[in-house]
PDB file of N, CA and C in Angstrom:
ATOM      1  N   MET A   1     -22.753   9.017   2.028  1.00  0.00           N
ATOM      2  CA  MET A   1     -21.242   8.492   2.250  1.00  0.00           C
ATOM      3  C   MET A   1     -20.459   7.869   1.358  1.00  0.00           C
ATOM      4  N   THR A   2     -18.986   8.091   1.732  1.00  0.00           N
ATOM      5  CA  THR A   2     -18.152   7.996   0.456  1.00  0.00           C
ATOM      6  C   THR A   2     -17.243   6.351   1.284  1.00  0.00           C
ATOM      7  N   ASN A   3     -17.467   5.756   0.461  1.00  0.00           N
ATOM      8  CA  ASN A   3     -16.134   4.463   0.356  1.00  0.00           C
ATOM      9  C   ASN A   3     -15.046   4.854   0.340  1.00  0.00           C
ATOM     10  N   ARG A   4     -13.585   4.465   1.682  1.00  0.00           N
ATOM     11  CA  ARG A   4     -12.576   4.792   1.347  1.00  0.00           C
ATOM     12  C   ARG A   4     -12.108   3.707   1.083  1.00  0.00           C
ATOM     13  N   ALA A   5     -12.381   2.589   1.130  1.00  0.00           N
ATOM     14  CA  ALA A   5     -11.799   0.897   0.265  1.00  0.00           C
ATOM     15  C   ALA A   5     -12.511   0.200   0.214  1.00  0.00           C
ATOM     16  N   SER A   6     -12.078  -0.654  -0.609  1.00  0.00           N
ATOM     17  CA  SER A   6     -12.665  -1.497  -1.195  1.00  0.00           C
ATOM     18  C   SER A   6     -12.771  -3.388  -0.313  1.00  0.00           C
ATOM     19  N   LEU A   7     -13.804  -4.421  -0.122  1.00  0.00           N
ATOM     20  CA  LEU A   7     -13.345  -5.448   0.342  1.00  0.00           C
ATOM     21  C   LEU A   7     -12.808  -6.090  -1.527  1.00  0.00           C
ATOM     22  N   TRP A   8     -12.416  -6.955  -1.082  1.00  0.00           N
ATOM     23  CA  TRP A   8     -11.633  -8.089  -2.114  1.00  0.00           C
ATOM     24  C   TRP A   8     -11.699  -9.706  -1.267  1.00  0.00           C
ATOM     25  N   ILE A   9     -12.207 -10.747  -1.836  1.00  0.00           N
ATOM     26  CA  ILE A   9     -11.982 -12.071  -1.816  1.00  0.00           C
ATOM     27  C   ILE A   9     -11.416 -12.879  -2.527  1.00  0.00           C
ATOM     28  N   ASN A  10     -10.558 -13.667  -1.809  1.00  0.00           N
ATOM     29  CA  ASN A  10     -10.379 -14.813  -2.824  1.00  0.00           C
ATOM     30  C   ASN A  10     -11.039 -15.781  -1.773  1.00  0.00           C
ATOM     31  N   GLU A  11     -11.258 -16.890  -3.244  1.00  0.00           N
ATOM     32  CA  GLU A  11     -12.784 -17.842  -2.817  1.00  0.00           C
ATOM     33  C   GLU A  11     -11.349 -19.207  -3.068  1.00  0.00           C
ATOM     34  N   ASN A  12     -10.010 -18.980  -4.077  1.00  0.00           N
ATOM     35  CA  ASN A  12      -9.275 -20.433  -4.535  1.00  0.00           C
ATOM     36  C   ASN A  12      -8.068 -20.574  -3.398  1.00  0.00           C
ATOM     37  N   THR A  13      -8.574 -20.115  -1.956  1.00  0.00           N
ATOM     38  CA  THR A  13      -7.615 -20.225  -0.628  1.00  0.00           C
ATOM     39  C   THR A  13      -8.775 -21.591   0.382  1.00  0.00           C
ATOM     40  N   SER A  14      -8.467 -22.343   1.609  1.00  0.00           N
ATOM     41  CA  SER A  14      -9.355 -22.732   2.347  1.00  0.00           C
ATOM     42  C   SER A  14      -8.577 -22.610   3.559  1.00  0.00           C
ATOM     43  N   PRO A  15      -9.090 -21.616   4.527  1.00  0.00           N
ATOM     44  CA  PRO A  15     -10.165 -21.278   3.828  1.00  0.00           C
ATOM     45  C   PRO A  15     -10.162 -19.502   3.186  1.00  0.00           C
ATOM     46  N   PRO A  16     -11.195 -19.446   2.936  1.00  0.00           N
ATOM     47  CA  PRO A  16     -11.140 -17.929   1.599  1.00  0.00           C
ATOM     48  C   PRO A  16     -10.759 -17.091   2.205  1.00  0.00           C
ATOM     49  N   GLU A  17      -9.650 -16.324   1.714  1.00  0.00           N
ATOM     50  CA  GLU A  17      -8.882 -14.717   2.208  1.00  0.00           C
ATOM     51  C   GLU A  17      -9.937 -13.929   2.044  1.00  0.00           C
ATOM     52  N   ARG A  18     -10.273 -12.746   2.485  1.00  0.00           N
ATOM     53  CA  ARG A  18     -10.682 -11.376   2.927  1.00  0.00           C
ATOM     54  C   ARG A  18      -9.678 -10.208   3.025  1.00  0.00           C
ATOM     55  N   GLY A  19      -9.779  -9.629   2.847  1.00  0.00           N
ATOM     56  CA  GLY A  19      -8.595  -8.201   2.518  1.00  0.00           C
ATOM     57  C   GLY A  19      -9.496  -7.114   1.769  1.00  0.00           C
ATOM     58  N   VAL A  20      -9.119  -6.183   2.326  1.00  0.00           N
ATOM     59  CA  VAL A  20      -9.574  -4.510   2.175  1.00  0.00           C
ATOM     60  C   VAL A  20      -7.759  -4.357   1.019  1.00  0.00           C
ATOM     61  N   HIS A  21      -8.875  -2.779   0.071  1.00  0.00           N
ATOM     62  CA  HIS A  21      -7.976  -2.756  -0.747  1.00  0.00           C
ATOM     63  C   HIS A  21      -8.009  -1.114  -0.426  1.00  0.00           C
ATOM     64  N   PHE A  22      -7.775   0.274  -0.597  1.00  0.00           N
ATOM     65  CA  PHE A  22      -7.796   1.542  -0.702  1.00  0.00           C
ATOM     66  C   PHE A  22      -6.704   1.891  -1.109  1.00  0.00           C
ATOM     67  N   ARG A  23      -6.780   3.327  -1.600  1.00  0.00           N
ATOM     68  CA  ARG A  23      -5.741   4.202  -2.674  1.00  0.00           C
ATOM     69  C   ARG A  23      -4.664   4.866  -2.174  1.00  0.00           C
ATOM     70  N   CYS A  24      -3.659   5.067  -1.651  1.00  0.00           N
ATOM     71  CA  CYS A  24      -2.769   6.199  -1.318  1.00  0.00           C
ATOM     72  C   CYS A  24      -2.263   6.921  -1.150  1.00  0.00           C
ATOM     73  N   PRO A  25      -2.814   8.207  -1.181  1.00  0.00           N
ATOM     74  CA  PRO A  25      -2.506   9.725  -1.622  1.00  0.00           C
ATOM     75  C   PRO A  25      -0.446   9.940  -2.310  1.00  0.00           C
ATOM     76  N   GLY A  26      -0.344   8.778  -1.015  1.00  0.00           N
ATOM     77  CA  GLY A  26       1.314   9.760  -1.151  1.00  0.00           C
ATOM     78  C   GLY A  26       2.291   8.790  -1.779  1.00  0.00           C
ATOM     79  N   CYS A  27       1.598   7.569  -2.633  1.00  0.00           N
ATOM     80  CA  CYS A  27       2.168   6.329  -3.475  1.00  0.00           C
ATOM     81  C   CYS A  27       1.386   6.973  -4.611  1.00  0.00           C
ATOM     82  N   ASN A  28       0.290   7.078  -4.830  1.00  0.00           N
ATOM     83  CA  ASN A  28      -0.704   7.194  -6.010  1.00  0.00           C
ATOM     84  C   ASN A  28      -0.692   6.390  -6.241  1.00  0.00           C
ATOM     85  N   GLU A  29      -1.231   5.079  -5.493  1.00  0.00           N
ATOM     86  CA  GLU A  29      -1.134   3.018  -5.920  1.00  0.00           C
ATOM     87  C   GLU A  29      -2.342   3.262  -4.905  1.00  0.00           C
ATOM     88  N   THR A  30      -2.206   1.762  -5.149  1.00  0.00           N
ATOM     89  CA  THR A  30      -3.977   0.683  -4.249  1.00  0.00           C
ATOM     90  C   THR A  30      -2.737   0.299  -3.419  1.00  0.00           C
ATOM     91  N   HIS A  31      -2.893  -0.435  -2.093  1.00  0.00           N
ATOM     92  CA  HIS A  31      -2.316  -0.542  -1.767  1.00  0.00           C
ATOM     93  C   HIS A  31      -4.114  -1.592  -0.927  1.00  0.00           C
ATOM     94  N   GLY A  32      -2.836  -3.347  -0.030  1.00  0.00           N
ATOM     95  CA  GLY A  32      -3.904  -3.508   0.060  1.00  0.00           C
ATOM     96  C   GLY A  32      -4.088  -4.618   1.838  1.00  0.00           C
ATOM     97  N   ILE A  33      -4.954  -4.992   2.020  1.00  0.00           N
ATOM     98  CA  ILE A  33      -3.936  -5.565   3.110  1.00  0.00           C
ATOM     99  C   ILE A  33      -5.478  -7.035   3.447  1.00  0.00           C
ATOM    100  N   LYS A  34      -4.602  -8.178   4.161  1.00  0.00           N
ATOM    101  CA  LYS A  34      -5.365  -9.250   4.477  1.00  0.00           C
ATOM    102  C   LYS A  34      -5.770  -9.228   5.806  1.00  0.00           C
ATOM    103  N   TYR A  35      -7.140  -9.179   6.047  1.00  0.00           N
ATOM    104  CA  TYR A  35      -7.430  -9.343   7.601  1.00  0.00           C
ATOM    105  C   TYR A  35      -8.124 -11.101   7.883  1.00  0.00           C
ATOM    106  N   GLU A  36      -9.045 -11.873   7.110  1.00  0.00           N
ATOM    107  CA  GLU A  36      -8.734 -13.111   7.409  1.00  0.00           C
ATOM    108  C   GLU A  36      -7.835 -14.340   6.113  1.00  0.00           C
ATOM    109  N   PRO A  37      -7.988 -15.607   6.778  1.00  0.00           N
ATOM    110  CA  PRO A  37      -7.757 -15.643   8.521  1.00  0.00           C
ATOM    111  C   PRO A  37      -6.909 -15.305   9.292  1.00  0.00           C
ATOM    112  N   THR A  38      -5.617 -14.656   8.921  1.00  0.00           N
ATOM    113  CA  THR A  38      -4.989 -13.895   9.806  1.00  0.00           C
ATOM    114  C   THR A  38      -4.609 -13.011   8.951  1.00  0.00           C
ATOM    115  N   GLY A  39      -4.369 -11.951   9.473  1.00  0.00           N
ATOM    116  CA  GLY A  39      -3.783 -10.442   9.088  1.00  0.00           C
ATOM    117  C   GLY A  39      -4.164  -9.300   9.849  1.00  0.00           C
ATOM    118  N   TRP A  40      -3.721  -8.326   9.255  1.00  0.00           N
ATOM    119  CA  TRP A  40      -4.585  -6.981  10.120  1.00  0.00           C
ATOM    120  C   TRP A  40      -5.407  -6.684  10.400  1.00  0.00           C
ATOM    121  N   GLY A  41      -5.223  -6.301  11.414  1.00  0.00           N
ATOM    122  CA  GLY A  41      -7.573  -5.841  12.157  1.00  0.00           C
ATOM    123  C   GLY A  41      -7.455  -5.246  10.744  1.00  0.00           C
ATOM    124  N   PHE A  42      -9.404  -5.147  10.973  1.00  0.00           N
ATOM    125  CA  PHE A  42     -10.107  -4.113  10.259  1.00  0.00           C
ATOM    126  C   PHE A  42     -11.587  -4.013  11.385  1.00  0.00           C
ATOM    127  N   ASN A  43     -11.663  -3.128  11.065  1.00  0.00           N
ATOM    128  CA  ASN A  43     -12.808  -2.735  12.020  1.00  0.00           C
ATOM    129  C   ASN A  43     -13.941  -2.554  10.879  1.00  0.00           C
ATOM    130  N   GLY A  44     -14.442  -3.236   9.961  1.00  0.00           N
ATOM    131  CA  GLY A  44     -15.045  -3.031   9.129  1.00  0.00           C
ATOM    132  C   GLY A  44     -15.639  -1.715   8.368  1.00  0.00           C
ATOM    133  N   ASP A  45     -15.858  -0.676   8.399  1.00  0.00           N
ATOM    134  CA  ASP A  45     -16.279   0.326   8.174  1.00  0.00           C
ATOM    135  C   ASP A  45     -15.140   0.344   6.857  1.00  0.00           C
ATOM    136  N   LEU A  46     -15.996   0.203   5.385  1.00  0.00           N
ATOM    137  CA  LEU A  46     -15.050   1.321   4.422  1.00  0.00           C
ATOM    138  C   LEU A  46     -14.722   3.050   4.038  1.00  0.00           C
ATOM    139  N   GLU A  47     -16.114   3.385   4.749  1.00  0.00           N
ATOM    140  CA  GLU A  47     -16.005   5.304   4.793  1.00  0.00           C
ATOM    141  C   GLU A  47     -15.081   5.362   5.583  1.00  0.00           C
ATOM    142  N   LYS A  48     -15.249   4.685   6.657  1.00  0.00           N
ATOM    143  CA  LYS A  48     -13.826   5.154   7.416  1.00  0.00           C
ATOM    144  C   LYS A  48     -12.714   3.875   7.991  1.00  0.00           C
ATOM    145  N   PRO A  49     -12.013   3.752   7.467  1.00  0.00           N
ATOM    146  CA  PRO A  49     -11.304   2.333   7.659  1.00  0.00           C
ATOM    147  C   PRO A  49     -10.875   2.561   8.768  1.00  0.00           C
ATOM    148  N   THR A  50     -10.438   1.653   9.935  1.00  0.00           N
ATOM    149  CA  THR A  50      -8.662   1.613  10.640  1.00  0.00           C
ATOM    150  C   THR A  50      -8.541   0.355  10.720  1.00  0.00           C
ATOM    151  N   PHE A  51      -6.877   0.290  10.266  1.00  0.00           N
ATOM    152  CA  PHE A  51      -6.001  -0.817   9.977  1.00  0.00           C
ATOM    153  C   PHE A  51      -4.921  -0.991  11.422  1.00  0.00           C
ATOM    154  N   THR A  52      -4.941  -2.070  12.126  1.00  0.00           N
ATOM    155  CA  THR A  52      -3.797  -2.069  13.020  1.00  0.00           C
ATOM    156  C   THR A  52      -3.337  -3.554  12.852  1.00  0.00           C
ATOM    157  N   PRO A  53      -2.144  -3.934  12.652  1.00  0.00           N
ATOM    158  CA  PRO A  53      -1.048  -2.522  12.707  1.00  0.00           C
ATOM    159  C   PRO A  53      -0.541  -1.313  11.546  1.00  0.00           C
ATOM    160  N   SER A  54       0.154  -1.065  11.918  1.00  0.00           N
ATOM    161  CA  SER A  54       0.802   0.251  10.432  1.00  0.00           C
ATOM    162  C   SER A  54       1.169  -0.859   9.151  1.00  0.00           C
ATOM    163  N   VAL A  55       0.757  -0.024   8.044  1.00  0.00           N
ATOM    164  CA  VAL A  55       0.710  -0.655   7.162  1.00  0.00           C
ATOM    165  C   VAL A  55       2.128  -0.636   6.335  1.00  0.00           C
ATOM    166  N   LEU A  56       3.063  -1.167   5.831  1.00  0.00           N
ATOM    167  CA  LEU A  56       4.420  -1.250   5.220  1.00  0.00           C
ATOM    168  C   LEU A  56       4.655  -1.589   3.811  1.00  0.00           C
ATOM    169  N   VAL A  57       4.492  -0.741   3.200  1.00  0.00           N
ATOM    170  CA  VAL A  57       4.587  -1.372   2.198  1.00  0.00           C
ATOM    171  C   VAL A  57       6.011  -0.989   1.123  1.00  0.00           C
ATOM    172  N   ARG A  58       6.672  -1.969   1.009  1.00  0.00           N
ATOM    173  CA  ARG A  58       8.263  -2.022   0.375  1.00  0.00           C
ATOM    174  C   ARG A  58       8.412  -2.242  -1.303  1.00  0.00           C
ATOM    175  N   SER A  59       8.727  -1.383  -2.239  1.00  0.00           N
ATOM    176  CA  SER A  59       9.416  -2.263  -3.561  1.00  0.00           C
ATOM    177  C   SER A  59      10.770  -1.667  -3.905  1.00  0.00           C
ATOM    178  N   GLY A  60      11.011  -2.487  -4.823  1.00  0.00           N
ATOM    179  CA  GLY A  60      12.895  -2.768  -5.212  1.00  0.00           C
ATOM    180  C   GLY A  60      13.419  -3.280  -4.405  1.00  0.00           C
ATOM    181  N   HIS A  61      14.798  -1.891  -4.319  1.00  0.00           N
ATOM    182  CA  HIS A  61      15.890  -3.057  -3.746  1.00  0.00           C
ATOM    183  C   HIS A  61      16.044  -1.892  -2.140  1.00  0.00           C
ATOM    184  N   TYR A  62      14.326  -1.274  -1.662  1.00  0.00           N
ATOM    185  CA  TYR A  62      13.875  -1.504  -0.618  1.00  0.00           C
ATOM    186  C   TYR A  62      13.112  -2.912   0.624  1.00  0.00           C
ATOM    187  N   ALA A  63      12.933  -3.251  -0.897  1.00  0.00           N
ATOM    188  CA  ALA A  63      11.460  -4.532  -0.266  1.00  0.00           C
ATOM    189  C   ALA A  63      13.152  -5.717   0.152  1.00  0.00           C
ATOM    190  N   GLY A  64      14.188  -6.174  -0.578  1.00  0.00           N
ATOM    191  CA  GLY A  64      15.260  -7.095  -0.512  1.00  0.00           C
ATOM    192  C   GLY A  64      15.195  -7.444  -1.793  1.00  0.00           C
ATOM    193  N   GLY A  65      15.745  -8.873  -1.072  1.00  0.00           N
ATOM    194  CA  GLY A  65      15.715 -10.112  -2.858  1.00  0.00           C
ATOM    195  C   GLY A  65      16.559  -9.657  -3.474  1.00  0.00           C
ATOM    196  N   ALA A  66      16.539 -10.172  -4.480  1.00  0.00           N
ATOM    197  CA  ALA A  66      17.236 -10.361  -5.888  1.00  0.00           C
ATOM    198  C   ALA A  66      17.152  -8.501  -6.115  1.00  0.00           C
ATOM    199  N   SER A  67      16.535  -8.028  -5.893  1.00  0.00           N
ATOM    200  CA  SER A  67      17.340  -6.529  -6.994  1.00  0.00           C
ATOM    201  C   SER A  67      18.149  -5.674  -5.877  1.00  0.00           C
ATOM    202  N   ALA A  68      18.256  -6.130  -4.480  1.00  0.00           N
ATOM    203  CA  ALA A  68      18.729  -5.718  -3.466  1.00  0.00           C
ATOM    204  C   ALA A  68      19.769  -6.409  -3.298  1.00  0.00           C
ATOM    205  N   GLU A  69      20.681  -7.819  -3.845  1.00  0.00           N
ATOM    206  CA  GLU A  69      21.193  -8.934  -3.700  1.00  0.00           C
ATOM    207  C   GLU A  69      22.377  -8.281  -4.948  1.00  0.00           C
ATOM    208  N   THR A  70      21.354  -8.057  -6.402  1.00  0.00           N
ATOM    209  CA  THR A  70      22.253  -7.905  -7.667  1.00  0.00           C
ATOM    210  C   THR A  70      22.403  -6.127  -7.816  1.00  0.00           C
ATOM    211  N   GLY A  71      21.135  -5.750  -7.492  1.00  0.00           N
ATOM    212  CA  GLY A  71      21.823  -3.988  -8.316  1.00  0.00           C
ATOM    213  C   GLY A  71      21.075  -3.637  -8.844  1.00  0.00           C
ATOM    214  N   LYS A  72      20.612  -4.359  -9.497  1.00  0.00           N
ATOM    215  CA  LYS A  72      19.214  -4.565 -11.050  1.00  0.00           C
ATOM    216  C   LYS A  72      17.715  -4.085 -10.013  1.00  0.00           C
ATOM    217  N   CYS A  73      17.622  -3.270  -9.805  1.00  0.00           N
ATOM    218  CA  CYS A  73      16.438  -2.756  -9.847  1.00  0.00           C
ATOM    219  C   CYS A  73      15.733  -0.979 -10.221  1.00  0.00           C
ATOM    220  N   HIS A  74      14.384  -0.700  -9.510  1.00  0.00           N
ATOM    221  CA  HIS A  74      14.127   0.458 -10.340  1.00  0.00           C
ATOM    222  C   HIS A  74      14.667   1.932 -10.437  1.00  0.00           C
ATOM    223  N   CYS A  75      15.406   1.664  -9.306  1.00  0.00           N
ATOM    224  CA  CYS A  75      16.196   2.640  -9.746  1.00  0.00           C
ATOM    225  C   CYS A  75      16.932   2.786 -10.955  1.00  0.00           C
ATOM    226  N   ASN A  76      17.923   1.878 -10.855  1.00  0.00           N
ATOM    227  CA  ASN A  76      18.344   2.700 -12.229  1.00  0.00           C
ATOM    228  C   ASN A  76      18.551   1.153 -13.761  1.00  0.00           C
ATOM    229  N   PHE A  77      16.695   1.190 -13.559  1.00  0.00           N
ATOM    230  CA  PHE A  77      16.325   0.270 -14.452  1.00  0.00           C
ATOM    231  C   PHE A  77      16.767   1.179 -16.022  1.00  0.00           C
ATOM    232  N   GLU A  78      16.445   2.281 -16.311  1.00  0.00           N
ATOM    233  CA  GLU A  78      16.834   3.391 -17.613  1.00  0.00           C
ATOM    234  C   GLU A  78      18.637   3.482 -17.719  1.00  0.00           C
ATOM    235  N   GLU A  79      19.078   3.431 -16.720  1.00  0.00           N
ATOM    236  CA  GLU A  79      20.497   3.295 -17.155  1.00  0.00           C
ATOM    237  C   GLU A  79      21.054   2.480 -17.660  1.00  0.00           C
ATOM    238  N   ARG A  80      20.429   1.912 -17.315  1.00  0.00           N
ATOM    239  CA  ARG A  80      20.205  -0.380 -17.489  1.00  0.00           C
ATOM    240  C   ARG A  80      20.073  -0.320 -18.655  1.00  0.00           C
ATOM    241  N   THR A  81      18.739   0.057 -19.544  1.00  0.00           N
ATOM    242  CA  THR A  81      18.021  -0.712 -20.200  1.00  0.00           C
ATOM    243  C   THR A  81      17.963   0.315 -21.681  1.00  0.00           C
ATOM    244  N   GLY A  82      18.826   1.771 -20.901  1.00  0.00           N
ATOM    245  CA  GLY A  82      18.276   2.676 -21.771  1.00  0.00           C
ATOM    246  C   GLY A  82      16.405   2.540 -22.056  1.00  0.00           C
ATOM    247  N   GLN A  83      15.834   2.324 -21.248  1.00  0.00           N
ATOM    248  CA  GLN A  83      14.085   2.009 -21.307  1.00  0.00           C
ATOM    249  C   GLN A  83      13.770   2.781 -19.792  1.00  0.00           C
ATOM    250  N   LYS A  84      12.317   3.644 -20.201  1.00  0.00           N
ATOM    251  CA  LYS A  84      11.740   4.433 -19.000  1.00  0.00           C
ATOM    252  C   LYS A  84      10.853   3.119 -18.605  1.00  0.00           C
ATOM    253  N   THR A  85      10.996   3.901 -17.080  1.00  0.00           N
ATOM    254  CA  THR A  85       9.832   2.628 -16.368  1.00  0.00           C
ATOM    255  C   THR A  85       9.082   3.582 -15.609  1.00  0.00           C
ATOM    256  N   ASP A  86       7.897   3.400 -14.934  1.00  0.00           N
ATOM    257  CA  ASP A  86       7.031   4.168 -13.682  1.00  0.00           C
ATOM    258  C   ASP A  86       7.907   3.436 -12.298  1.00  0.00           C
ATOM    259  N   TYR A  87       7.950   2.845 -12.438  1.00  0.00           N
ATOM    260  CA  TYR A  87       8.382   1.589 -11.025  1.00  0.00           C
ATOM    261  C   TYR A  87       9.480   2.734 -10.439  1.00  0.00           C
ATOM    262  N   LYS A  88       8.747   2.654  -9.326  1.00  0.00           N
ATOM    263  CA  LYS A  88       9.553   3.370  -8.364  1.00  0.00           C
ATOM    264  C   LYS A  88      10.437   2.914  -7.303  1.00  0.00           C
ATOM    265  N   CYS A  89      11.938   2.397  -6.646  1.00  0.00           N
ATOM    266  CA  CYS A  89      12.460   2.195  -5.187  1.00  0.00           C
ATOM    267  C   CYS A  89      11.533   2.891  -4.351  1.00  0.00           C
ATOM    268  N   SER A  90      10.588   2.152  -3.388  1.00  0.00           N
ATOM    269  CA  SER A  90       9.852   2.895  -2.451  1.00  0.00           C
ATOM    270  C   SER A  90       9.465   2.366  -1.354  1.00  0.00           C
ATOM    271  N   ILE A  91       9.490   3.617  -0.345  1.00  0.00           N
ATOM    272  CA  ILE A  91       8.928   2.949   1.061  1.00  0.00           C
ATOM    273  C   ILE A  91       7.694   3.422   1.833  1.00  0.00           C
ATOM    274  N   CYS A  92       6.538   3.403   2.342  1.00  0.00           N
ATOM    275  CA  CYS A  92       5.357   3.648   2.475  1.00  0.00           C
ATOM    276  C   CYS A  92       4.878   2.961   3.511  1.00  0.00           C
ATOM    277  N   HIS A  93       4.711   3.838   4.201  1.00  0.00           N
ATOM    278  CA  HIS A  93       4.284   3.344   5.849  1.00  0.00           C
ATOM    279  C   HIS A  93       3.689   3.835   6.318  1.00  0.00           C
ATOM    280  N   SER A  94       2.719   3.833   7.287  1.00  0.00           N
ATOM    281  CA  SER A  94       1.671   4.321   7.482  1.00  0.00           C
ATOM    282  C   SER A  94       0.900   3.620   8.882  1.00  0.00           C
ATOM    283  N   PHE A  95      -0.175   4.404   9.426  1.00  0.00           N
ATOM    284  CA  PHE A  95      -1.677   4.207  10.111  1.00  0.00           C
ATOM    285  C   PHE A  95      -2.088   4.941   9.412  1.00  0.00           C
ATOM    286  N   VAL A  96      -3.548   3.688   9.366  1.00  0.00           N
ATOM    287  CA  VAL A  96      -5.025   4.086   8.932  1.00  0.00           C
ATOM    288  C   VAL A  96      -6.051   3.995   9.772  1.00  0.00           C
ATOM    289  N   THR A  97      -6.907   5.673  10.543  1.00  0.00           N
ATOM    290  CA  THR A  97      -7.001   5.247  11.955  1.00  0.00           C
ATOM    291  C   THR A  97      -8.733   6.377  11.012  1.00  0.00           C
ATOM    292  N   ASP A  98      -9.021   5.628  11.371  1.00  0.00           N
ATOM    293  CA  ASP A  98     -10.670   6.098  11.135  1.00  0.00           C
ATOM    294  C   ASP A  98     -10.913   7.190   9.700  1.00  0.00           C
ATOM    295  N   GLY A  99     -10.208   6.472   8.632  1.00  0.00           N
ATOM    296  CA  GLY A  99     -10.199   7.521   7.530  1.00  0.00           C
ATOM    297  C   GLY A  99      -9.208   7.812   6.888  1.00  0.00           C
ATOM    298  N   ARG A 100      -8.753   8.068   8.263  1.00  0.00           N
ATOM    299  CA  ARG A 100      -7.194   9.286   8.272  1.00  0.00           C
ATOM    300  C   ARG A 100      -6.140   8.142   7.482  1.00  0.00           C
ATOM    301  N   ILE A 101      -5.475   8.653   6.869  1.00  0.00           N
ATOM    302  CA  ILE A 101      -3.708   8.194   7.521  1.00  0.00           C
ATOM    303  C   ILE A 101      -2.630   8.761   7.716  1.00  0.00           C
ATOM    304  N   GLN A 102      -1.837   8.430   8.344  1.00  0.00           N
ATOM    305  CA  GLN A 102      -0.555   9.204   9.110  1.00  0.00           C
ATOM    306  C   GLN A 102       0.521   8.119   8.794  1.00  0.00           C
ATOM    307  N   PHE A 103       1.052   9.169   7.468  1.00  0.00           N
ATOM    308  CA  PHE A 103       2.792   8.288   6.986  1.00  0.00           C
ATOM    309  C   PHE A 103       3.635   8.777   7.604  1.00  0.00           C
ATOM    310  N   LEU A 104       4.323   7.477   8.232  1.00  0.00           N
ATOM    311  CA  LEU A 104       5.255   8.181   9.051  1.00  0.00           C
ATOM    312  C   LEU A 104       6.380   8.472   8.654  1.00  0.00           C
ATOM    313  N   SER A 105       7.931   8.567   9.142  1.00  0.00           N
ATOM    314  CA  SER A 105       8.524   9.399   8.971  1.00  0.00           C
ATOM    315  C   SER A 105      10.025   8.484   7.919  1.00  0.00           C
ATOM    316  N   ASP A 106       9.707   6.825   7.966  1.00  0.00           N
ATOM    317  CA  ASP A 106      10.812   6.838   6.750  1.00  0.00           C
ATOM    318  C   ASP A 106       9.733   6.682   5.472  1.00  0.00           C
ATOM    319  N   CYS A 107       8.810   7.503   5.107  1.00  0.00           N
ATOM    320  CA  CYS A 107       8.001   7.231   4.025  1.00  0.00           C
ATOM    321  C   CYS A 107       9.680   7.958   3.276  1.00  0.00           C
ATOM    322  N   THR A 108       9.496   7.439   1.638  1.00  0.00           N
ATOM    323  CA  THR A 108      10.297   7.775   0.505  1.00  0.00           C
ATOM    324  C   THR A 108       9.666   8.614  -0.121  1.00  0.00           C
ATOM    325  N   HIS A 109       8.240   9.388   0.269  1.00  0.00           N
ATOM    326  CA  HIS A 109       7.607   9.963  -0.651  1.00  0.00           C
ATOM    327  C   HIS A 109       7.518  11.588  -0.099  1.00  0.00           C
ATOM    328  N   ALA A 110       6.463  12.398  -0.250  1.00  0.00           N
ATOM    329  CA  ALA A 110       6.051  13.372  -0.082  1.00  0.00           C
ATOM    330  C   ALA A 110       5.522  13.914   0.747  1.00  0.00           C
ATOM    331  N   LEU A 111       4.713  12.775   1.284  1.00  0.00           N
ATOM    332  CA  LEU A 111       4.006  12.673   2.796  1.00  0.00           C
ATOM    333  C   LEU A 111       4.707  12.275   3.526  1.00  0.00           C
ATOM    334  N   ALA A 112       5.414  11.550   3.226  1.00  0.00           N
ATOM    335  CA  ALA A 112       5.899  11.553   5.010  1.00  0.00           C
ATOM    336  C   ALA A 112       5.765  12.919   6.293  1.00  0.00           C
ATOM    337  N   GLY A 113       5.641  12.202   6.765  1.00  0.00           N
ATOM    338  CA  GLY A 113       5.300  13.029   8.232  1.00  0.00           C
ATOM    339  C   GLY A 113       3.669  13.880   8.372  1.00  0.00           C
ATOM    340  N   GLN A 114       2.958  13.418   7.292  1.00  0.00           N
ATOM    341  CA  GLN A 114       1.979  14.275   7.504  1.00  0.00           C
ATOM    342  C   GLN A 114       0.356  12.965   7.921  1.00  0.00           C
ATOM    343  N   THR A 115      -0.470  14.049   7.899  1.00  0.00           N
ATOM    344  CA  THR A 115      -1.803  13.336   8.162  1.00  0.00           C
ATOM    345  C   THR A 115      -2.965  13.837   6.978  1.00  0.00           C
ATOM    346  N   VAL A 116      -3.608  12.753   6.302  1.00  0.00           N
ATOM    347  CA  VAL A 116      -4.812  13.035   5.595  1.00  0.00           C
ATOM    348  C   VAL A 116      -5.822  12.132   4.945  1.00  0.00           C
ATOM    349  N   ASP A 117      -6.623  12.878   4.789  1.00  0.00           N
ATOM    350  CA  ASP A 117      -7.646  11.604   4.792  1.00  0.00           C
ATOM    351  C   ASP A 117      -7.490  10.940   3.525  1.00  0.00           C
ATOM    352  N   LEU A 118      -7.528   9.626   3.749  1.00  0.00           N
ATOM    353  CA  LEU A 118      -7.850   8.973   2.457  1.00  0.00           C
ATOM    354  C   LEU A 118      -8.899   9.279   1.470  1.00  0.00           C
ATOM    355  N   PRO A 119      -8.397   9.155   0.093  1.00  0.00           N
ATOM    356  CA  PRO A 119      -9.285   9.697  -0.502  1.00  0.00           C
ATOM    357  C   PRO A 119     -10.796   8.515  -1.528  1.00  0.00           C
ATOM    358  N   PRO A 120     -11.508   9.204  -1.707  1.00  0.00           N
ATOM    359  CA  PRO A 120     -12.413   8.031  -1.911  1.00  0.00           C
ATOM    360  C   PRO A 120     -12.128   7.012  -2.961  1.00  0.00           C
ATOM    361  N   TRP A 121     -13.087   6.213  -2.292  1.00  0.00           N
ATOM    362  CA  TRP A 121     -12.255   4.958  -3.665  1.00  0.00           C
ATOM    363  C   TRP A 121     -12.770   4.813  -4.976  1.00  0.00           C
ATOM    364  N   ASP A 122     -12.167   4.803  -5.405  1.00  0.00           N
ATOM    365  CA  ASP A 122     -12.355   4.578  -6.964  1.00  0.00           C
ATOM    366  C   ASP A 122     -12.575   3.307  -8.033  1.00  0.00           C
ATOM    367  N   GLU A 123     -13.350   2.511  -8.255  1.00  0.00           N
ATOM    368  CA  GLU A 123     -13.628   1.204  -8.940  1.00  0.00           C
ATOM    369  C   GLU A 123     -13.515   1.301  -9.886  1.00  0.00           C
ATOM    370  N   THR A 124     -12.685   2.026 -10.609  1.00  0.00           N
ATOM    371  CA  THR A 124     -12.099   2.259 -11.944  1.00  0.00           C
ATOM    372  C   THR A 124     -10.467   2.189 -12.056  1.00  0.00           C
ATOM    373  N   LYS A 125     -10.419   2.048 -10.367  1.00  0.00           N
ATOM    374  CA  LYS A 125      -8.469   3.135 -10.535  1.00  0.00           C
ATOM    375  C   LYS A 125      -8.374   1.197 -10.633  1.00  0.00           C
TER     376      LYS A 125
END
């Protein structure tokens, strides 16, 4: 069997925090959720994980805060600084059920509105 997620534990908190990482094929990034002591529901299955409720990841001006207020965010970094960056302003909103990820229509990447298998977890990434 193939794991599609990886557990993480932060022992430096009281009580310890536990969570799960998974690779998002829409963002081509790793997303993480915390399920203990409070947070998302997780079915405990690393091969076919299910998380509840939906997973929403925002970056840049979509996340609000300083970049939204000042206009200094990933969208215009190269224009402002003359330097290249791989960071992007984005929204990734999904349901992960039985090892499949359903991307909702508010995603800003190419997989918005599609459902695909979670890719296998690779500890080296």
